[in-house]
Amino acid sequence: MFAFALLDRTTRSAGSCMKAAVIAAGLLMTAVPAWAIDGSALVEHYIELAEESGIIIAYDTLEETGEDSFVLHNLSIQGPKMPDPVRVHKVSIRGARDEGRNGFSADAVTLSGLNFSTVTKDRTEMTVTVDSGDWSGIYFPDPANLTAPLIAYDRSTAKIGNIRMLIDGSEALSVDAVSGEAMLDKKTNTYRTTAEIGLIRFHTENITDPEAKAKFEALGIDTIKLSVDFGASWNMDSGRLEITEYTFDAPDLGRLAMGLAIDGYTSKVATDLRNALAEQNAADPDDHDAQKAATRKIIDMFGRLKFVSGKISYTDDSLAGLVLDLQAKSMGGSRKDFVDNALAMLGGVTQALDNPEFSGMLSEAVRTFLSAPENFHIVLEPGAPVAVSDIFGAVVMSPGTLIEKLGVRIVANE
């Protein structure tokens, strides 16, 4: 679940194309005992569902390759606000099955030759291409059936290869590969997922924003190389949801790592939340009272969760030093002058919290890091889980109390 959410978010620059193409043909699916399904009927069903949301789907031909397998040739998907369609040369579905009212499933789905080209409002030509996509063991629940299982498979995988974005004909971004795996441990009823985004290259010399381009030039950065790793687990009985790894690693620049643990997110809560979101989507968008009531219901559900712990860590590998020198130069002073000014402003900001101990801890950590950038850590470890509703309330009424409530600790260069 989390892996594919991450993959979807990562490939959204391809015009929400992967997910739309897959859903349009009934692609993201696998499950348990079911019936073989007619490819044409499956595709037409999803075309009708898409039309209800203003999405236009078309294809040239559908080739039946088995009683439960077929290939779509030259698929196109165009959303209501998309000036141009996403085009996919070929989408292959193997082992498609009808799960009754629960939805659909497939043993494997592959796509090749995805392309999206458009011209933005500022007349910038943008093209996104994806060479290939492979999914296995993917289940697509019917959104109209609120009792459909949240998870109906033990293992699923995804791999997307060679993503490129061109701006006015020049490559601005490329991604070697995106991969993910999700597995259900039936003994502990724990769902574990991992995802990895291989080498991402941002070619800053091809940025169209003059101001942003100038800043990168001043920093001496013409290409940013980045990789992303993600890992999470969800015990559906206890409700413990943990992001065990979420790292962004840019060699020669720096590394950002995050983690989070939350209690109370049981399978029942997840089902209730799904139903509440469905109610919100079904409510009349012009009925403000109905929309507010639905939104309040969702917020209340999140409020019942409990925050267990969290962390953010940054390890510098030259980026902080480059930024500090650039800022100092723009101010016409030294790095020490810039650090002193930053600390003075920081003191004014934290004064409103009325927590001298926290202000001192933060100032000391910031001074230590900015004086000789190595690493910076923000750790949240409350003595006991804190209800998210209490956090919401404290943010509004007394933000200063959150420091002690969440067990905030900030250190540098450890």
Protein backbone atom coordinates (compact mmCIF):
# COMPACT_ATOMS: atom_id res chain seq x y z
CA MET A 1 0.00 0.00 0.00
CA PHE A 2 2.63 2.53 1.09
CA ALA A 3 5.08 1.49 -1.60
CA PHE A 4 2.60 1.96 -4.38
CA ALA A 5 1.46 5.26 -2.90
CA LEU A 6 5.07 6.35 -3.04
CA LEU A 7 5.51 5.07 -6.57
CA ASP A 8 2.37 6.86 -7.68
CA ARG A 9 3.61 10.08 -6.07
CA THR A 10 7.04 9.70 -7.63
CA THR A 11 5.69 9.15 -11.13
CA ARG A 12 2.99 11.82 -10.92
CA SER A 13 5.26 14.05 -13.00
CA ALA A 14 4.48 11.62 -15.80
CA GLY A 15 0.99 13.07 -15.77
CA SER A 16 -0.65 10.72 -13.23
CA CYS A 17 -0.24 8.55 -16.25
CA MET A 18 0.82 5.25 -14.83
CA LYS A 19 -2.03 4.96 -12.39
CA ALA A 20 -4.60 6.29 -14.82
CA ALA A 21 -3.51 3.89 -17.53
CA VAL A 22 -3.55 0.99 -15.16
CA ILE A 23 -6.93 1.80 -13.65
CA ALA A 24 -8.42 2.59 -17.03
CA ALA A 25 -7.77 -0.94 -18.24
CA GLY A 26 -8.48 -2.49 -14.85
CA LEU A 27 -4.84 -3.17 -14.30
CA LEU A 28 -3.84 -2.88 -10.66
CA MET A 29 -5.23 -6.15 -9.36
CA THR A 30 -4.67 -9.57 -7.79
CA ALA A 31 -6.40 -11.64 -5.23
CA VAL A 32 -7.84 -14.90 -4.23
CA PRO A 33 -10.41 -17.28 -5.78
CA ALA A 34 -12.32 -15.55 -8.55
CA TRP A 35 -13.71 -15.96 -12.06
CA ALA A 36 -12.01 -15.48 -15.42
CA ILE A 37 -13.07 -12.26 -17.06
CA ASP A 38 -13.64 -11.06 -20.60
CA GLY A 39 -11.03 -8.44 -21.53
CA SER A 40 -13.39 -6.29 -23.56
CA ALA A 41 -15.99 -6.26 -20.79
CA LEU A 42 -13.35 -5.31 -18.21
CA VAL A 43 -12.02 -2.43 -20.28
CA GLU A 44 -15.45 -1.09 -21.16
CA HIS A 45 -16.46 -1.20 -17.49
CA TYR A 46 -13.49 0.97 -16.53
CA ILE A 47 -14.02 3.30 -19.45
CA GLU A 48 -17.55 3.93 -18.14
CA LEU A 49 -16.27 4.53 -14.60
CA ALA A 50 -13.64 6.93 -15.93
CA GLU A 51 -16.21 8.88 -17.95
CA GLU A 52 -18.17 9.53 -14.76
CA SER A 53 -15.08 11.39 -13.49
CA GLY A 54 -14.57 13.25 -16.77
CA ILE A 55 -11.68 11.03 -17.91
CA ILE A 56 -11.67 10.05 -21.57
CA ILE A 57 -10.10 6.68 -22.40
CA ALA A 58 -9.59 5.27 -25.88
CA TYR A 59 -7.55 2.56 -27.57
CA ASP A 60 -7.00 1.26 -31.09
CA THR A 61 -7.32 -2.50 -30.64
CA LEU A 62 -7.75 -5.12 -27.92
CA GLU A 63 -5.99 -8.40 -28.57
CA GLU A 64 -7.22 -11.44 -26.62
CA THR A 65 -4.21 -13.58 -25.66
CA GLY A 66 -6.05 -16.06 -23.43
CA GLU A 67 -9.29 -16.55 -21.53
CA ASP A 68 -8.04 -14.20 -18.82
CA SER A 69 -5.33 -12.25 -20.67
CA PHE A 70 -5.31 -9.49 -23.25
CA VAL A 71 -3.28 -6.63 -24.72
CA LEU A 72 -4.40 -3.06 -25.35
CA HIS A 73 -2.68 -1.26 -28.22
CA ASN A 74 -2.25 2.52 -28.39
CA LEU A 75 -4.11 3.45 -25.23
CA SER A 76 -4.80 7.12 -24.48
CA ILE A 77 -6.09 8.74 -21.29
CA GLN A 78 -7.10 12.38 -20.92
CA GLY A 79 -8.33 13.94 -17.70
CA PRO A 80 -10.81 16.85 -17.50
CA LYS A 81 -8.04 19.41 -16.89
CA MET A 82 -5.39 17.86 -19.10
CA PRO A 83 -4.74 19.77 -22.34
CA ASP A 84 -3.23 16.67 -23.96
CA PRO A 85 -3.67 12.92 -23.40
CA VAL A 86 -1.24 10.42 -21.94
CA ARG A 87 -0.43 7.80 -24.55
CA VAL A 88 0.72 4.22 -23.92
CA HIS A 89 1.95 2.09 -26.80
CA LYS A 90 0.99 -1.24 -25.21
CA VAL A 91 -0.58 -2.51 -21.99
CA SER A 92 -0.60 -6.25 -21.32
CA ILE A 93 -2.75 -7.92 -18.64
CA ARG A 94 -2.28 -11.56 -17.69
CA GLY A 95 -4.49 -13.56 -15.33
CA ALA A 96 -7.25 -10.95 -14.97
CA ARG A 97 -10.06 -12.09 -12.68
CA ASP A 98 -13.39 -10.77 -11.52
CA GLU A 99 -13.51 -10.68 -7.71
CA GLY A 100 -17.26 -10.14 -7.70
CA ARG A 101 -18.32 -7.07 -5.75
CA ASN A 102 -14.80 -6.79 -4.33
CA GLY A 103 -13.23 -5.61 -7.59
CA PHE A 104 -10.71 -7.09 -9.99
CA SER A 105 -7.28 -8.69 -9.89
CA ALA A 106 -4.49 -9.73 -12.25
CA ASP A 107 -1.41 -11.91 -12.00
CA ALA A 108 0.72 -9.49 -14.01
CA VAL A 109 0.44 -6.15 -15.78
CA THR A 110 3.06 -4.61 -18.06
CA LEU A 111 3.14 -1.41 -20.07
CA SER A 112 5.60 -0.04 -22.57
CA GLY A 113 6.10 3.20 -24.42
CA LEU A 114 4.31 5.74 -22.23
CA ASN A 115 4.46 9.30 -23.51
CA PHE A 116 2.96 12.59 -22.39
CA SER A 117 3.67 15.84 -24.24
CA THR A 118 2.14 19.22 -23.63
CA VAL A 119 2.76 22.96 -23.75
CA THR A 120 2.37 24.85 -20.46
CA LYS A 121 0.76 28.26 -20.01
CA ASP A 122 4.15 29.95 -20.31
CA ARG A 123 4.67 28.14 -23.65
CA THR A 124 7.19 25.69 -22.26
CA GLU A 125 7.22 22.37 -24.08
CA MET A 126 7.25 19.44 -21.66
CA THR A 127 7.54 15.75 -22.52
CA VAL A 128 7.53 12.82 -20.10
CA THR A 129 8.38 9.31 -21.23
CA VAL A 130 8.43 5.97 -19.41
CA ASP A 131 10.02 2.99 -21.13
CA SER A 132 8.35 0.23 -19.12
CA GLY A 133 6.25 -0.72 -16.12
CA ASP A 134 5.73 -4.14 -14.54
CA TRP A 135 3.33 -5.08 -11.73
CA SER A 136 2.54 -8.44 -10.16
CA GLY A 137 0.07 -9.49 -7.51
CA ILE A 138 -1.89 -6.26 -7.55
CA TYR A 139 -5.48 -5.99 -6.33
CA PHE A 140 -7.86 -3.20 -7.30
CA PRO A 141 -10.89 -2.99 -4.97
CA ASP A 142 -14.19 -1.71 -6.30
CA PRO A 143 -14.54 1.84 -4.88
CA ALA A 144 -18.33 1.41 -4.83
CA ASN A 145 -18.13 -1.53 -2.43
CA LEU A 146 -17.21 -0.23 1.02
CA THR A 147 -16.93 -3.79 2.39
CA ALA A 148 -14.26 -4.87 -0.11
CA PRO A 149 -11.10 -6.16 1.61
CA LEU A 150 -8.34 -3.62 2.14
CA ILE A 151 -5.74 -6.24 1.29
CA ALA A 152 -6.44 -9.41 -0.63
CA TYR A 153 -2.96 -10.70 -1.47
CA ASP A 154 0.18 -11.90 0.30
CA ARG A 155 2.73 -10.28 -1.99
CA SER A 156 2.84 -7.71 -4.76
CA THR A 157 5.64 -6.04 -6.66
CA ALA A 158 6.13 -3.09 -8.98
CA LYS A 159 8.93 -1.88 -11.20
CA ILE A 160 9.00 1.17 -13.44
CA GLY A 161 11.97 1.68 -15.73
CA ASN A 162 13.67 4.69 -17.25
CA ILE A 163 11.59 7.82 -16.70
CA ARG A 164 12.63 11.00 -18.53
CA MET A 165 11.33 14.57 -18.50
CA LEU A 166 12.30 16.95 -21.29
CA ILE A 167 11.83 20.72 -21.08
CA ASP A 168 11.97 22.47 -24.45
CA GLY A 169 13.80 19.45 -25.83
CA SER A 170 16.48 19.27 -23.11
CA GLU A 171 16.49 16.60 -20.40
CA ALA A 172 15.58 18.15 -17.04
CA LEU A 173 15.07 14.95 -15.06
CA SER A 174 15.66 11.23 -15.42
CA VAL A 175 15.02 8.25 -13.16
CA ASP A 176 16.75 4.94 -13.81
CA ALA A 177 14.21 2.75 -12.03
CA VAL A 178 11.49 2.67 -9.37
CA SER A 179 10.74 -0.59 -7.58
CA GLY A 180 8.58 -1.72 -4.69
CA GLU A 181 7.45 -4.81 -2.84
CA ALA A 182 4.63 -5.37 -0.35
CA MET A 183 4.21 -8.52 1.73
CA LEU A 184 1.63 -9.65 4.28
CA ASP A 185 2.84 -11.72 7.23
CA LYS A 186 -0.26 -13.72 8.09
CA LYS A 187 1.17 -14.97 11.41
CA THR A 188 1.41 -11.46 12.84
CA ASN A 189 -1.10 -9.81 10.49
CA THR A 190 1.60 -7.29 9.61
CA TYR A 191 1.90 -5.66 6.22
CA ARG A 192 5.44 -4.66 5.24
CA THR A 193 6.44 -2.62 2.25
CA THR A 194 9.65 -1.34 0.74
CA ALA A 195 10.32 0.97 -2.19
CA GLU A 196 13.41 2.22 -3.90
CA ILE A 197 13.89 4.98 -6.42
CA GLY A 198 17.19 4.39 -8.18
CA LEU A 199 19.36 7.18 -9.45
CA ILE A 200 17.44 10.40 -10.07
CA ARG A 201 19.24 13.09 -12.03
CA PHE A 202 18.10 16.72 -11.93
CA HIS A 203 19.84 18.72 -14.63
CA THR A 204 19.74 22.18 -13.13
CA GLU A 205 21.26 23.83 -16.20
CA ASN A 206 18.00 23.08 -18.03
CA ILE A 207 15.74 24.74 -15.43
CA THR A 208 13.50 27.33 -17.09
CA ASP A 209 13.07 29.52 -13.98
CA PRO A 210 15.86 32.14 -14.34
CA GLU A 211 16.04 32.90 -10.61
CA ALA A 212 16.31 29.25 -9.58
CA LYS A 213 18.82 28.56 -12.34
CA ALA A 214 20.97 31.47 -11.19
CA LYS A 215 21.04 30.14 -7.62
CA PHE A 216 22.21 26.71 -8.74
CA GLU A 217 24.86 28.32 -10.92
CA ALA A 218 26.05 30.36 -7.94
CA LEU A 219 26.30 27.15 -5.90
CA GLY A 220 28.25 25.48 -8.69
CA ILE A 221 25.65 22.70 -9.07
CA ASP A 222 24.71 21.64 -12.59
CA THR A 223 23.39 18.14 -11.80
CA ILE A 224 21.81 16.75 -8.63
CA LYS A 225 21.97 12.99 -8.20
CA LEU A 226 19.50 11.54 -5.72
CA SER A 227 18.26 8.15 -4.57
CA VAL A 228 15.28 7.43 -2.31
CA ASP A 229 14.62 4.43 -0.03
CA PHE A 230 11.40 3.74 1.83
CA GLY A 231 10.34 1.07 4.31
CA ALA A 232 7.20 0.74 6.42
CA SER A 233 5.24 -1.79 8.45
CA TRP A 234 1.62 -1.91 9.58
CA ASN A 235 0.28 -4.29 12.22
CA MET A 236 -3.41 -4.31 11.44
CA ASP A 237 -4.37 -5.78 14.83
CA SER A 238 -2.43 -3.51 17.19
CA GLY A 239 -2.65 -0.52 14.87
CA ARG A 240 1.07 0.23 15.02
CA LEU A 241 2.11 1.99 11.81
CA GLU A 242 5.82 2.65 11.37
CA ILE A 243 7.85 4.33 8.69
CA THR A 244 11.13 2.60 9.44
CA GLU A 245 13.09 4.19 6.62
CA TYR A 246 12.55 7.20 4.43
CA THR A 247 15.84 8.53 3.11
CA PHE A 248 16.88 10.97 0.41
CA ASP A 249 20.55 10.55 -0.42
CA ALA A 250 22.31 13.04 -2.69
CA PRO A 251 25.99 12.05 -2.97
CA ASP A 252 28.40 14.96 -2.49
CA LEU A 253 25.57 17.14 -1.17
CA GLY A 254 23.77 15.57 1.82
CA ARG A 255 21.46 12.91 3.18
CA LEU A 256 18.02 13.38 4.78
CA ALA A 257 16.46 10.57 6.83
CA MET A 258 13.05 10.42 8.51
CA GLY A 259 11.07 8.00 10.64
CA LEU A 260 7.62 7.90 12.27
CA ALA A 261 5.57 5.63 14.52
CA ILE A 262 1.82 5.90 15.16
CA ASP A 263 -0.55 3.76 17.23
CA GLY A 264 -4.25 3.12 16.79
CA TYR A 265 -4.42 2.66 13.03
CA THR A 266 -6.13 -0.73 13.05
CA SER A 267 -7.74 -2.37 10.04
CA LYS A 268 -11.13 -1.21 11.37
CA VAL A 269 -9.96 2.39 11.53
CA ALA A 270 -8.55 2.07 8.01
CA THR A 271 -11.89 0.72 6.78
CA ASP A 272 -13.83 3.47 8.56
CA LEU A 273 -11.52 6.09 7.06
CA ARG A 274 -12.00 4.66 3.58
CA ASN A 275 -15.76 4.80 4.05
CA ALA A 276 -15.62 8.37 5.36
CA LEU A 277 -13.58 9.44 2.33
CA ALA A 278 -16.16 7.76 0.08
CA GLU A 279 -18.94 9.67 1.85
CA GLN A 280 -17.04 12.91 1.35
CA ASN A 281 -16.60 12.20 -2.35
CA ALA A 282 -20.30 11.32 -2.68
CA ALA A 283 -21.48 14.49 -0.94
CA ASP A 284 -22.74 17.34 -3.08
CA PRO A 285 -19.70 19.63 -3.63
CA ASP A 286 -22.03 22.64 -3.46
CA ASP A 287 -23.46 21.52 -0.10
CA HIS A 288 -20.95 23.21 2.19
CA ASP A 289 -22.55 21.85 5.36
CA ALA A 290 -22.31 18.27 4.07
CA GLN A 291 -18.70 18.80 3.00
CA LYS A 292 -17.77 20.31 6.37
CA ALA A 293 -19.45 17.44 8.24
CA ALA A 294 -17.60 14.87 6.15
CA THR A 295 -14.29 16.66 6.62
CA ARG A 296 -14.85 16.92 10.38
CA LYS A 297 -15.55 13.19 10.54
CA ILE A 298 -12.24 12.44 8.84
CA ILE A 299 -10.32 14.84 11.10
CA ASP A 300 -11.89 13.21 14.17
CA MET A 301 -10.70 9.81 12.96
CA PHE A 302 -7.14 11.07 12.61
CA GLY A 303 -7.46 12.72 16.01
CA ARG A 304 -7.99 9.33 17.67
CA LEU A 305 -4.60 8.08 16.49
CA LYS A 306 -1.62 8.34 18.85
CA PHE A 307 1.81 9.72 18.07
CA VAL A 308 4.56 7.40 19.34
CA SER A 309 7.81 8.81 17.99
CA GLY A 310 9.42 10.63 15.10
CA LYS A 311 12.82 11.71 13.86
CA ILE A 312 14.45 13.84 11.18
CA SER A 313 18.19 13.69 10.56
CA TYR A 314 20.37 15.51 8.07
CA THR A 315 23.97 14.59 7.33
CA ASP A 316 25.86 17.17 5.34
CA ASP A 317 28.25 16.40 2.51
CA SER A 318 28.95 19.96 1.31
CA LEU A 319 25.47 21.41 0.61
CA ALA A 320 25.18 23.33 3.90
CA GLY A 321 28.62 24.85 3.45
CA LEU A 322 27.83 25.92 -0.12
CA VAL A 323 24.57 27.56 0.97
CA LEU A 324 26.18 29.30 3.96
CA ASP A 325 28.97 30.76 1.82
CA LEU A 326 26.48 31.92 -0.82
CA GLN A 327 24.25 33.62 1.79
CA ALA A 328 27.22 35.25 3.48
CA LYS A 329 28.47 36.55 0.13
CA SER A 330 25.06 37.98 -0.75
CA MET A 331 25.08 39.85 2.60
CA GLY A 332 28.57 41.15 2.03
CA GLY A 333 29.95 39.51 5.18
CA SER A 334 31.60 36.36 6.48
CA ARG A 335 30.02 33.02 7.28
CA LYS A 336 30.36 33.86 11.00
CA ASP A 337 28.43 37.10 10.46
CA PHE A 338 25.64 35.20 8.75
CA VAL A 339 25.50 32.58 11.54
CA ASP A 340 25.31 35.28 14.22
CA ASN A 341 22.46 37.02 12.38
CA ALA A 342 20.60 33.73 11.91
CA LEU A 343 20.88 32.92 15.61
CA ALA A 344 19.61 36.37 16.58
CA MET A 345 16.54 35.93 14.38
CA LEU A 346 16.02 32.40 15.70
CA GLY A 347 15.99 33.71 19.26
CA GLY A 348 13.23 36.16 18.39
CA VAL A 349 11.12 33.42 16.82
CA THR A 350 11.42 30.96 19.72
CA GLN A 351 10.78 33.63 22.36
CA ALA A 352 7.06 33.40 21.65
CA LEU A 353 7.11 29.77 22.85
CA ASP A 354 8.04 30.93 26.36
CA ASN A 355 10.35 27.94 26.82
CA PRO A 356 13.91 29.13 27.60
CA GLU A 357 15.24 25.58 27.89
CA PHE A 358 14.07 24.69 24.38
CA SER A 359 15.31 28.00 22.96
CA GLY A 360 18.75 27.34 24.42
CA MET A 361 18.83 23.77 23.11
CA LEU A 362 17.82 24.84 19.61
CA SER A 363 20.24 27.78 19.49
CA GLU A 364 23.14 25.61 20.65
CA ALA A 365 22.38 22.91 18.05
CA VAL A 366 22.00 25.43 15.22
CA ARG A 367 25.21 27.27 16.19
CA THR A 368 27.13 24.00 16.37
CA PHE A 369 25.89 22.83 12.99
CA LEU A 370 26.27 26.11 11.12
CA SER A 371 29.76 26.67 12.51
CA ALA A 372 30.97 23.32 11.15
CA PRO A 373 28.20 21.43 9.27
CA GLU A 374 28.24 17.70 9.95
CA ASN A 375 24.84 16.42 11.06
CA PHE A 376 21.63 17.73 12.61
CA HIS A 377 18.98 15.67 14.42
CA ILE A 378 15.44 16.39 15.61
CA VAL A 379 14.07 13.56 17.74
CA LEU A 380 10.56 13.32 19.17
CA GLU A 381 10.20 10.73 21.95
CA PRO A 382 7.26 11.38 24.28
CA GLY A 383 7.18 9.41 27.53
CA ALA A 384 3.88 7.87 26.40
CA PRO A 385 1.93 7.96 23.10
CA VAL A 386 0.16 11.29 22.59
CA ALA A 387 -3.28 11.53 21.01
CA VAL A 388 -3.15 13.39 17.70
CA SER A 389 -6.20 15.39 18.85
CA ASP A 390 -4.14 16.70 21.79
CA ILE A 391 -1.42 17.76 19.36
CA PHE A 392 -3.96 19.60 17.21
CA GLY A 393 -5.30 21.35 20.29
CA ALA A 394 -1.88 22.37 21.57
CA VAL A 395 -0.88 23.81 18.20
CA VAL A 396 -3.85 26.16 18.39
CA MET A 397 -4.02 26.95 22.11
CA SER A 398 -0.51 26.57 23.56
CA PRO A 399 2.22 25.60 21.06
CA GLY A 400 4.91 25.98 23.69
CA THR A 401 3.61 22.94 25.60
CA LEU A 402 4.26 20.67 22.63
CA ILE A 403 8.00 20.70 23.32
CA GLU A 404 7.66 18.78 26.57
CA LYS A 405 4.57 16.82 25.48
CA LEU A 406 6.38 15.34 22.47
CA GLY A 407 9.76 14.95 24.16
CA VAL A 408 11.59 17.08 21.61
CA ARG A 409 15.36 16.76 21.51
CA ILE A 410 17.60 18.65 19.06
CA VAL A 411 21.32 17.97 18.69
CA ALA A 412 24.05 18.59 16.12
CA ASN A 413 27.36 17.03 15.11
CA GLU A 414 26.92 13.92 17.23
